Amino acid sequence: RFTISRDNAKNTLDLQMNSLKPEDTAVYYCRLTQGIYTY
């Protein structure tokens, strides 16, 4: 149902969410790892 993609040149991250269900209700967070750091 979901597809994740990234553009390394633009430093963007996308999440295409299809066929959504009520149980998908939530706050969605983007996370990135760079060396020993997490953002």
ModelCIF file with pLDDT and N, C-alpha, C, O atoms, coordinates in Angstrom:
data_MODEL
#
_entry.id   MODEL 
#
_entity.id                         1 
_entity.type                       polymer 
_entity.pdbx_number_of_molecules   1 
#
_entity_poly.entity_id                      1 
_entity_poly.type                           'polypeptide(L)' 
_entity_poly.nstd_linkage                   no 
_entity_poly.nstd_monomer                   no 
_entity_poly.pdbx_seq_one_letter_code       RFTISRDNAKNTLDLQMNSLKPEDTAVYYCRLTQGIYTY 
_entity_poly.pdbx_seq_one_letter_code_can   RFTISRDNAKNTLDLQMNSLKPEDTAVYYCRLTQGIYTY 
_entity_poly.pdbx_strand_id                 A 
#
loop_
_entity_poly_seq.entity_id 
_entity_poly_seq.num 
_entity_poly_seq.mon_id 
_entity_poly_seq.hetero 
1 1  ARG n 
1 2  PHE n 
1 3  THR n 
1 4  ILE n 
1 5  SER n 
1 6  ARG n 
1 7  ASP n 
1 8  ASN n 
1 9  ALA n 
1 10 LYS n 
1 11 ASN n 
1 12 THR n 
1 13 LEU n 
1 14 ASP n 
1 15 LEU n 
1 16 GLN n 
1 17 MET n 
1 18 ASN n 
1 19 SER n 
1 20 LEU n 
1 21 LYS n 
1 22 PRO n 
1 23 GLU n 
1 24 ASP n 
1 25 THR n 
1 26 ALA n 
1 27 VAL n 
1 28 TYR n 
1 29 TYR n 
1 30 CYS n 
1 31 ARG n 
1 32 LEU n 
1 33 THR n 
1 34 GLN n 
1 35 GLY n 
1 36 ILE n 
1 37 TYR n 
1 38 THR n 
1 39 TYR n 
#
_struct_asym.id          A 
_struct_asym.entity_id   1 
#
loop_
_ma_qa_metric.id 
_ma_qa_metric.mode 
_ma_qa_metric.name 
_ma_qa_metric.software_group_id 
_ma_qa_metric.type 
1 global pLDDT . pLDDT 
2 local  pLDDT . pLDDT 
#
_ma_qa_metric_global.metric_id      1 
_ma_qa_metric_global.metric_value   95.74 
_ma_qa_metric_global.model_id       1 
_ma_qa_metric_global.ordinal_id     1 
#
loop_
_ma_qa_metric_local.label_asym_id 
_ma_qa_metric_local.label_comp_id 
_ma_qa_metric_local.label_seq_id 
_ma_qa_metric_local.metric_id 
_ma_qa_metric_local.metric_value 
_ma_qa_metric_local.model_id 
_ma_qa_metric_local.ordinal_id 
A ARG 1  2 98.00 1 1  
A PHE 2  2 98.00 1 2  
A THR 3  2 98.00 1 3  
A ILE 4  2 98.00 1 4  
A SER 5  2 97.00 1 5  
A ARG 6  2 95.00 1 6  
A ASP 7  2 93.00 1 7  
A ASN 8  2 90.00 1 8  
A ALA 9  2 90.00 1 9  
A LYS 10 2 92.00 1 10 
A ASN 11 2 91.00 1 11 
A THR 12 2 94.00 1 12 
A LEU 13 2 97.00 1 13 
A ASP 14 2 98.00 1 14 
A LEU 15 2 98.00 1 15 
A GLN 16 2 98.00 1 16 
A MET 17 2 98.00 1 17 
A ASN 18 2 98.00 1 18 
A SER 19 2 98.00 1 19 
A LEU 20 2 98.00 1 20 
A LYS 21 2 98.00 1 21 
A PRO 22 2 97.00 1 22 
A GLU 23 2 97.00 1 23 
A ASP 24 2 98.00 1 24 
A THR 25 2 98.00 1 25 
A ALA 26 2 98.00 1 26 
A VAL 27 2 98.00 1 27 
A TYR 28 2 98.00 1 28 
A TYR 29 2 98.00 1 29 
A CYS 30 2 97.00 1 30 
A ARG 31 2 97.00 1 31 
A LEU 32 2 95.00 1 32 
A THR 33 2 93.00 1 33 
A GLN 34 2 91.00 1 34 
A GLY 35 2 89.00 1 35 
A ILE 36 2 92.00 1 36 
A TYR 37 2 93.00 1 37 
A THR 38 2 95.00 1 38 
A TYR 39 2 95.00 1 39 
#
loop_
_atom_site.group_PDB 
_atom_site.id 
_atom_site.type_symbol 
_atom_site.label_atom_id 
_atom_site.label_alt_id 
_atom_site.label_comp_id 
_atom_site.label_asym_id 
_atom_site.label_entity_id 
_atom_site.label_seq_id 
_atom_site.pdbx_PDB_ins_code 
_atom_site.Cartn_x 
_atom_site.Cartn_y 
_atom_site.Cartn_z 
_atom_site.occupancy 
_atom_site.B_iso_or_equiv 
_atom_site.pdbx_formal_charge 
_atom_site.auth_seq_id 
_atom_site.auth_comp_id 
_atom_site.auth_asym_id 
_atom_site.auth_atom_id 
_atom_site.pdbx_PDB_model_num 
ATOM 1   N N  . ARG A 1 1  ? 0.826  -1.225 0.000  1.00 98.00 ? 1  ARG A N  1 
ATOM 2   C CA . ARG A 1 1  ? 0.000  0.000  0.000  1.00 98.00 ? 1  ARG A CA 1 
ATOM 3   C C  . ARG A 1 1  ? 0.856  1.268  0.000  1.00 98.00 ? 1  ARG A C  1 
ATOM 4   O O  . ARG A 1 1  ? 0.488  2.269  -0.615 1.00 98.00 ? 1  ARG A O  1 
ATOM 5   N N  . PHE A 1 2  ? 1.982  1.224  0.681  1.00 98.00 ? 2  PHE A N  1 
ATOM 6   C CA . PHE A 1 2  ? 2.846  2.396  0.807  1.00 98.00 ? 2  PHE A CA 1 
ATOM 7   C C  . PHE A 1 2  ? 4.118  2.190  -0.014 1.00 98.00 ? 2  PHE A C  1 
ATOM 8   O O  . PHE A 1 2  ? 4.596  1.066  -0.169 1.00 98.00 ? 2  PHE A O  1 
ATOM 9   N N  . THR A 1 3  ? 4.654  3.285  -0.535 1.00 98.00 ? 3  THR A N  1 
ATOM 10  C CA . THR A 1 3  ? 5.909  3.246  -1.271 1.00 98.00 ? 3  THR A CA 1 
ATOM 11  C C  . THR A 1 3  ? 6.801  4.381  -0.802 1.00 98.00 ? 3  THR A C  1 
ATOM 12  O O  . THR A 1 3  ? 6.402  5.546  -0.815 1.00 98.00 ? 3  THR A O  1 
ATOM 13  N N  . ILE A 1 4  ? 8.012  4.031  -0.389 1.00 98.00 ? 4  ILE A N  1 
ATOM 14  C CA . ILE A 1 4  ? 8.974  5.028  0.050  1.00 98.00 ? 4  ILE A CA 1 
ATOM 15  C C  . ILE A 1 4  ? 9.954  5.301  -1.079 1.00 98.00 ? 4  ILE A C  1 
ATOM 16  O O  . ILE A 1 4  ? 10.328 4.393  -1.821 1.00 98.00 ? 4  ILE A O  1 
ATOM 17  N N  . SER A 1 5  ? 10.365 6.553  -1.202 1.00 97.00 ? 5  SER A N  1 
ATOM 18  C CA . SER A 1 5  ? 11.354 6.909  -2.224 1.00 97.00 ? 5  SER A CA 1 
ATOM 19  C C  . SER A 1 5  ? 12.171 8.089  -1.719 1.00 97.00 ? 5  SER A C  1 
ATOM 20  O O  . SER A 1 5  ? 11.734 8.840  -0.847 1.00 97.00 ? 5  SER A O  1 
ATOM 21  N N  . ARG A 1 6  ? 13.353 8.236  -2.279 1.00 95.00 ? 6  ARG A N  1 
ATOM 22  C CA . ARG A 1 6  ? 14.215 9.346  -1.889 1.00 95.00 ? 6  ARG A CA 1 
ATOM 23  C C  . ARG A 1 6  ? 14.938 9.881  -3.103 1.00 95.00 ? 6  ARG A C  1 
ATOM 24  O O  . ARG A 1 6  ? 15.180 9.161  -4.071 1.00 95.00 ? 6  ARG A O  1 
ATOM 25  N N  . ASP A 1 7  ? 15.277 11.150 -3.036 1.00 93.00 ? 7  ASP A N  1 
ATOM 26  C CA . ASP A 1 7  ? 16.075 11.807 -4.067 1.00 93.00 ? 7  ASP A CA 1 
ATOM 27  C C  . ASP A 1 7  ? 17.342 12.288 -3.379 1.00 93.00 ? 7  ASP A C  1 
ATOM 28  O O  . ASP A 1 7  ? 17.325 13.291 -2.665 1.00 93.00 ? 7  ASP A O  1 
ATOM 29  N N  . ASN A 1 8  ? 18.427 11.582 -3.590 1.00 90.00 ? 8  ASN A N  1 
ATOM 30  C CA . ASN A 1 8  ? 19.672 11.909 -2.904 1.00 90.00 ? 8  ASN A CA 1 
ATOM 31  C C  . ASN A 1 8  ? 20.227 13.271 -3.333 1.00 90.00 ? 8  ASN A C  1 
ATOM 32  O O  . ASN A 1 8  ? 20.882 13.951 -2.543 1.00 90.00 ? 8  ASN A O  1 
ATOM 33  N N  . ALA A 1 9  ? 19.972 13.658 -4.549 1.00 90.00 ? 9  ALA A N  1 
ATOM 34  C CA . ALA A 1 9  ? 20.472 14.946 -5.029 1.00 90.00 ? 9  ALA A CA 1 
ATOM 35  C C  . ALA A 1 9  ? 19.727 16.112 -4.382 1.00 90.00 ? 9  ALA A C  1 
ATOM 36  O O  . ALA A 1 9  ? 20.313 17.160 -4.110 1.00 90.00 ? 9  ALA A O  1 
ATOM 37  N N  . LYS A 1 10 ? 18.445 15.920 -4.143 1.00 92.00 ? 10 LYS A N  1 
ATOM 38  C CA . LYS A 1 10 ? 17.623 16.975 -3.554 1.00 92.00 ? 10 LYS A CA 1 
ATOM 39  C C  . LYS A 1 10 ? 17.457 16.822 -2.045 1.00 92.00 ? 10 LYS A C  1 
ATOM 40  O O  . LYS A 1 10 ? 16.899 17.696 -1.381 1.00 92.00 ? 10 LYS A O  1 
ATOM 41  N N  . ASN A 1 11 ? 17.944 15.707 -1.513 1.00 91.00 ? 11 ASN A N  1 
ATOM 42  C CA . ASN A 1 11 ? 17.813 15.431 -0.076 1.00 91.00 ? 11 ASN A CA 1 
ATOM 43  C C  . ASN A 1 11 ? 16.355 15.448 0.370  1.00 91.00 ? 11 ASN A C  1 
ATOM 44  O O  . ASN A 1 11 ? 15.993 16.076 1.365  1.00 91.00 ? 11 ASN A O  1 
ATOM 45  N N  . THR A 1 12 ? 15.544 14.749 -0.385 1.00 94.00 ? 12 THR A N  1 
ATOM 46  C CA . THR A 1 12 ? 14.135 14.642 -0.051 1.00 94.00 ? 12 THR A CA 1 
ATOM 47  C C  . THR A 1 12 ? 13.732 13.183 0.106  1.00 94.00 ? 12 THR A C  1 
ATOM 48  O O  . THR A 1 12 ? 14.355 12.279 -0.452 1.00 94.00 ? 12 THR A O  1 
ATOM 49  N N  . LEU A 1 13 ? 12.694 12.984 0.865  1.00 97.00 ? 13 LEU A N  1 
ATOM 50  C CA . LEU A 1 13 ? 12.166 11.652 1.148  1.00 97.00 ? 13 LEU A CA 1 
ATOM 51  C C  . LEU A 1 13 ? 10.654 11.727 1.019  1.00 97.00 ? 13 LEU A C  1 
ATOM 52  O O  . LEU A 1 13 ? 10.024 12.629 1.571  1.00 97.00 ? 13 LEU A O  1 
ATOM 53  N N  . ASP A 1 14 ? 10.077 10.791 0.299  1.00 98.00 ? 14 ASP A N  1 
ATOM 54  C CA . ASP A 1 14 ? 8.635  10.776 0.099  1.00 98.00 ? 14 ASP A CA 1 
ATOM 55  C C  . ASP A 1 14 ? 8.032  9.459  0.573  1.00 98.00 ? 14 ASP A C  1 
ATOM 56  O O  . ASP A 1 14 ? 8.709  8.434  0.652  1.00 98.00 ? 14 ASP A O  1 
ATOM 57  N N  . LEU A 1 15 ? 6.756  9.517  0.881  1.00 98.00 ? 15 LEU A N  1 
ATOM 58  C CA . LEU A 1 15 ? 6.001  8.312  1.215  1.00 98.00 ? 15 LEU A CA 1 
ATOM 59  C C  . LEU A 1 15 ? 4.651  8.407  0.529  1.00 98.00 ? 15 LEU A C  1 
ATOM 60  O O  . LEU A 1 15 ? 3.807  9.218  0.909  1.00 98.00 ? 15 LEU A O  1 
ATOM 61  N N  . GLN A 1 16 ? 4.451  7.575  -0.484 1.00 98.00 ? 16 GLN A N  1 
ATOM 62  C CA . GLN A 1 16 ? 3.165  7.501  -1.163 1.00 98.00 ? 16 GLN A CA 1 
ATOM 63  C C  . GLN A 1 16 ? 2.303  6.482  -0.434 1.00 98.00 ? 16 GLN A C  1 
ATOM 64  O O  . GLN A 1 16 ? 2.670  5.313  -0.311 1.00 98.00 ? 16 GLN A O  1 
ATOM 65  N N  . MET A 1 17 ? 1.159  6.937  0.045  1.00 98.00 ? 17 MET A N  1 
ATOM 66  C CA . MET A 1 17 ? 0.285  6.076  0.839  1.00 98.00 ? 17 MET A CA 1 
ATOM 67  C C  . MET A 1 17 ? -1.035 5.898  0.100  1.00 98.00 ? 17 MET A C  1 
ATOM 68  O O  . MET A 1 17 ? -1.787 6.852  -0.101 1.00 98.00 ? 17 MET A O  1 
ATOM 69  N N  . ASN A 1 18 ? -1.301 4.663  -0.298 1.00 98.00 ? 18 ASN A N  1 
ATOM 70  C CA . ASN A 1 18 ? -2.529 4.335  -1.005 1.00 98.00 ? 18 ASN A CA 1 
ATOM 71  C C  . ASN A 1 18 ? -3.392 3.400  -0.158 1.00 98.00 ? 18 ASN A C  1 
ATOM 72  O O  . ASN A 1 18 ? -2.919 2.799  0.807  1.00 98.00 ? 18 ASN A O  1 
ATOM 73  N N  . SER A 1 19 ? -4.642 3.292  -0.533 1.00 98.00 ? 19 SER A N  1 
ATOM 74  C CA . SER A 1 19 ? -5.575 2.392  0.163  1.00 98.00 ? 19 SER A CA 1 
ATOM 75  C C  . SER A 1 19 ? -5.507 2.588  1.673  1.00 98.00 ? 19 SER A C  1 
ATOM 76  O O  . SER A 1 19 ? -5.402 1.626  2.435  1.00 98.00 ? 19 SER A O  1 
ATOM 77  N N  . LEU A 1 20 ? -5.568 3.827  2.084  1.00 98.00 ? 20 LEU A N  1 
ATOM 78  C CA . LEU A 1 20 ? -5.426 4.152  3.501  1.00 98.00 ? 20 LEU A CA 1 
ATOM 79  C C  . LEU A 1 20 ? -6.568 3.584  4.330  1.00 98.00 ? 20 LEU A C  1 
ATOM 80  O O  . LEU A 1 20 ? -7.711 3.500  3.880  1.00 98.00 ? 20 LEU A O  1 
ATOM 81  N N  . LYS A 1 21 ? -6.228 3.201  5.541  1.00 98.00 ? 21 LYS A N  1 
ATOM 82  C CA . LYS A 1 21 ? -7.180 2.616  6.484  1.00 98.00 ? 21 LYS A CA 1 
ATOM 83  C C  . LYS A 1 21 ? -7.240 3.478  7.737  1.00 98.00 ? 21 LYS A C  1 
ATOM 84  O O  . LYS A 1 21 ? -6.292 4.205  8.033  1.00 98.00 ? 21 LYS A O  1 
ATOM 85  N N  . PRO A 1 22 ? -8.339 3.406  8.474  1.00 97.00 ? 22 PRO A N  1 
ATOM 86  C CA . PRO A 1 22 ? -8.414 4.190  9.727  1.00 97.00 ? 22 PRO A CA 1 
ATOM 87  C C  . PRO A 1 22 ? -7.267 3.883  10.676 1.00 97.00 ? 22 PRO A C  1 
ATOM 88  O O  . PRO A 1 22 ? -6.831 4.760  11.422 1.00 97.00 ? 22 PRO A O  1 
ATOM 89  N N  . GLU A 1 23 ? -6.771 2.651  10.660 1.00 97.00 ? 23 GLU A N  1 
ATOM 90  C CA . GLU A 1 23 ? -5.665 2.308  11.554 1.00 97.00 ? 23 GLU A CA 1 
ATOM 91  C C  . GLU A 1 23 ? -4.339 2.923  11.130 1.00 97.00 ? 23 GLU A C  1 
ATOM 92  O O  . GLU A 1 23 ? -3.347 2.800  11.848 1.00 97.00 ? 23 GLU A O  1 
ATOM 93  N N  . ASP A 1 24 ? -4.307 3.579  9.980  1.00 98.00 ? 24 ASP A N  1 
ATOM 94  C CA . ASP A 1 24 ? -3.112 4.312  9.574  1.00 98.00 ? 24 ASP A CA 1 
ATOM 95  C C  . ASP A 1 24 ? -3.059 5.702  10.212 1.00 98.00 ? 24 ASP A C  1 
ATOM 96  O O  . ASP A 1 24 ? -2.064 6.412  10.065 1.00 98.00 ? 24 ASP A O  1 
ATOM 97  N N  . THR A 1 25 ? -4.107 6.088  10.907 1.00 98.00 ? 25 THR A N  1 
ATOM 98  C CA . THR A 1 25 ? -4.144 7.388  11.555 1.00 98.00 ? 25 THR A CA 1 
ATOM 99  C C  . THR A 1 25 ? -3.048 7.500  12.598 1.00 98.00 ? 25 THR A C  1 
ATOM 100 O O  . THR A 1 25 ? -2.945 6.667  13.498 1.00 98.00 ? 25 THR A O  1 
ATOM 101 N N  . ALA A 1 26 ? -2.232 8.534  12.470 1.00 98.00 ? 26 ALA A N  1 
ATOM 102 C CA . ALA A 1 26 ? -1.091 8.726  13.371 1.00 98.00 ? 26 ALA A CA 1 
ATOM 103 C C  . ALA A 1 26 ? -0.373 10.020 12.994 1.00 98.00 ? 26 ALA A C  1 
ATOM 104 O O  . ALA A 1 26 ? -0.675 10.649 11.980 1.00 98.00 ? 26 ALA A O  1 
ATOM 105 N N  . VAL A 1 27 ? 0.571  10.392 13.828 1.00 98.00 ? 27 VAL A N  1 
ATOM 106 C CA . VAL A 1 27 ? 1.531  11.428 13.449 1.00 98.00 ? 27 VAL A CA 1 
ATOM 107 C C  . VAL A 1 27 ? 2.706  10.720 12.784 1.00 98.00 ? 27 VAL A C  1 
ATOM 108 O O  . VAL A 1 27 ? 3.284  9.791  13.348 1.00 98.00 ? 27 VAL A O  1 
ATOM 109 N N  . TYR A 1 28 ? 3.046  11.162 11.595 1.00 98.00 ? 28 TYR A N  1 
ATOM 110 C CA . TYR A 1 28 ? 4.123  10.546 10.822 1.00 98.00 ? 28 TYR A CA 1 
ATOM 111 C C  . TYR A 1 28 ? 5.369  11.416 10.923 1.00 98.00 ? 28 TYR A C  1 
ATOM 112 O O  . TYR A 1 28 ? 5.321  12.634 10.748 1.00 98.00 ? 28 TYR A O  1 
ATOM 113 N N  . TYR A 1 29 ? 6.487  10.752 11.209 1.00 98.00 ? 29 TYR A N  1 
ATOM 114 C CA . TYR A 1 29 ? 7.759  11.432 11.405 1.00 98.00 ? 29 TYR A CA 1 
ATOM 115 C C  . TYR A 1 29 ? 8.780  10.963 10.376 1.00 98.00 ? 29 TYR A C  1 
ATOM 116 O O  . TYR A 1 29 ? 8.860  9.780  10.046 1.00 98.00 ? 29 TYR A O  1 
ATOM 117 N N  . CYS A 1 30 ? 9.540  11.901 9.888  1.00 97.00 ? 30 CYS A N  1 
ATOM 118 C CA . CYS A 1 30 ? 10.677 11.616 9.029  1.00 97.00 ? 30 CYS A CA 1 
ATOM 119 C C  . CYS A 1 30 ? 11.918 11.439 9.916  1.00 97.00 ? 30 CYS A C  1 
ATOM 120 O O  . CYS A 1 30 ? 12.111 12.175 10.884 1.00 97.00 ? 30 CYS A O  1 
ATOM 121 N N  . ARG A 1 31 ? 12.729 10.477 9.579  1.00 97.00 ? 31 ARG A N  1 
ATOM 122 C CA . ARG A 1 31 ? 13.947 10.197 10.357 1.00 97.00 ? 31 ARG A CA 1 
ATOM 123 C C  . ARG A 1 31 ? 15.128 10.026 9.409  1.00 97.00 ? 31 ARG A C  1 
ATOM 124 O O  . ARG A 1 31 ? 15.000 9.456  8.325  1.00 97.00 ? 31 ARG A O  1 
ATOM 125 N N  . LEU A 1 32 ? 16.259 10.525 9.835  1.00 95.00 ? 32 LEU A N  1 
ATOM 126 C CA . LEU A 1 32 ? 17.462 10.476 9.011  1.00 95.00 ? 32 LEU A CA 1 
ATOM 127 C C  . LEU A 1 32 ? 18.649 10.083 9.868  1.00 95.00 ? 32 LEU A C  1 
ATOM 128 O O  . LEU A 1 32 ? 18.764 10.524 11.012 1.00 95.00 ? 32 LEU A O  1 
ATOM 129 N N  . THR A 1 33 ? 19.527 9.263  9.330  1.00 93.00 ? 33 THR A N  1 
ATOM 130 C CA . THR A 1 33 ? 20.747 8.859  10.015 1.00 93.00 ? 33 THR A CA 1 
ATOM 131 C C  . THR A 1 33 ? 21.942 9.397  9.259  1.00 93.00 ? 33 THR A C  1 
ATOM 132 O O  . THR A 1 33 ? 22.047 9.258  8.040  1.00 93.00 ? 33 THR A O  1 
ATOM 133 N N  . GLN A 1 34 ? 22.839 10.011 10.005 1.00 91.00 ? 34 GLN A N  1 
ATOM 134 C CA . GLN A 1 34 ? 24.056 10.589 9.426  1.00 91.00 ? 34 GLN A CA 1 
ATOM 135 C C  . GLN A 1 34 ? 25.191 10.241 10.382 1.00 91.00 ? 34 GLN A C  1 
ATOM 136 O O  . GLN A 1 34 ? 25.336 10.857 11.438 1.00 91.00 ? 34 GLN A O  1 
ATOM 137 N N  . GLY A 1 35 ? 25.990 9.251  10.003 1.00 89.00 ? 35 GLY A N  1 
ATOM 138 C CA . GLY A 1 35 ? 27.039 8.801  10.896 1.00 89.00 ? 35 GLY A CA 1 
ATOM 139 C C  . GLY A 1 35 ? 26.439 8.263  12.191 1.00 89.00 ? 35 GLY A C  1 
ATOM 140 O O  . GLY A 1 35 ? 25.616 7.348  12.170 1.00 89.00 ? 35 GLY A O  1 
ATOM 141 N N  . ILE A 1 36 ? 26.851 8.828  13.300 1.00 92.00 ? 36 ILE A N  1 
ATOM 142 C CA . ILE A 1 36 ? 26.352 8.382  14.598 1.00 92.00 ? 36 ILE A CA 1 
ATOM 143 C C  . ILE A 1 36 ? 25.133 9.173  15.043 1.00 92.00 ? 36 ILE A C  1 
ATOM 144 O O  . ILE A 1 36 ? 24.595 8.945  16.126 1.00 92.00 ? 36 ILE A O  1 
ATOM 145 N N  . TYR A 1 37 ? 24.701 10.108 14.199 1.00 93.00 ? 37 TYR A N  1 
ATOM 146 C CA . TYR A 1 37 ? 23.604 10.998 14.589 1.00 93.00 ? 37 TYR A CA 1 
ATOM 147 C C  . TYR A 1 37 ? 22.286 10.590 13.927 1.00 93.00 ? 37 TYR A C  1 
ATOM 148 O O  . TYR A 1 37 ? 22.251 10.073 12.811 1.00 93.00 ? 37 TYR A O  1 
ATOM 149 N N  . THR A 1 38 ? 21.213 10.846 14.663 1.00 95.00 ? 38 THR A N  1 
ATOM 150 C CA . THR A 1 38 ? 19.863 10.609 14.164 1.00 95.00 ? 38 THR A CA 1 
ATOM 151 C C  . THR A 1 38 ? 19.062 11.891 14.315 1.00 95.00 ? 38 THR A C  1 
ATOM 152 O O  . THR A 1 38 ? 19.105 12.546 15.356 1.00 95.00 ? 38 THR A O  1 
ATOM 153 N N  . TYR A 1 39 ? 18.335 12.240 13.270 1.00 95.00 ? 39 TYR A N  1 
ATOM 154 C CA . TYR A 1 39 ? 17.532 13.448 13.291 1.00 95.00 ? 39 TYR A CA 1 
ATOM 155 C C  . TYR A 1 39 ? 16.083 13.090 12.996 1.00 95.00 ? 39 TYR A C  1 
ATOM 156 O O  . TYR A 1 39 ? 15.223 13.970 12.964 1.00 95.00 ? 39 TYR A O  1 
#
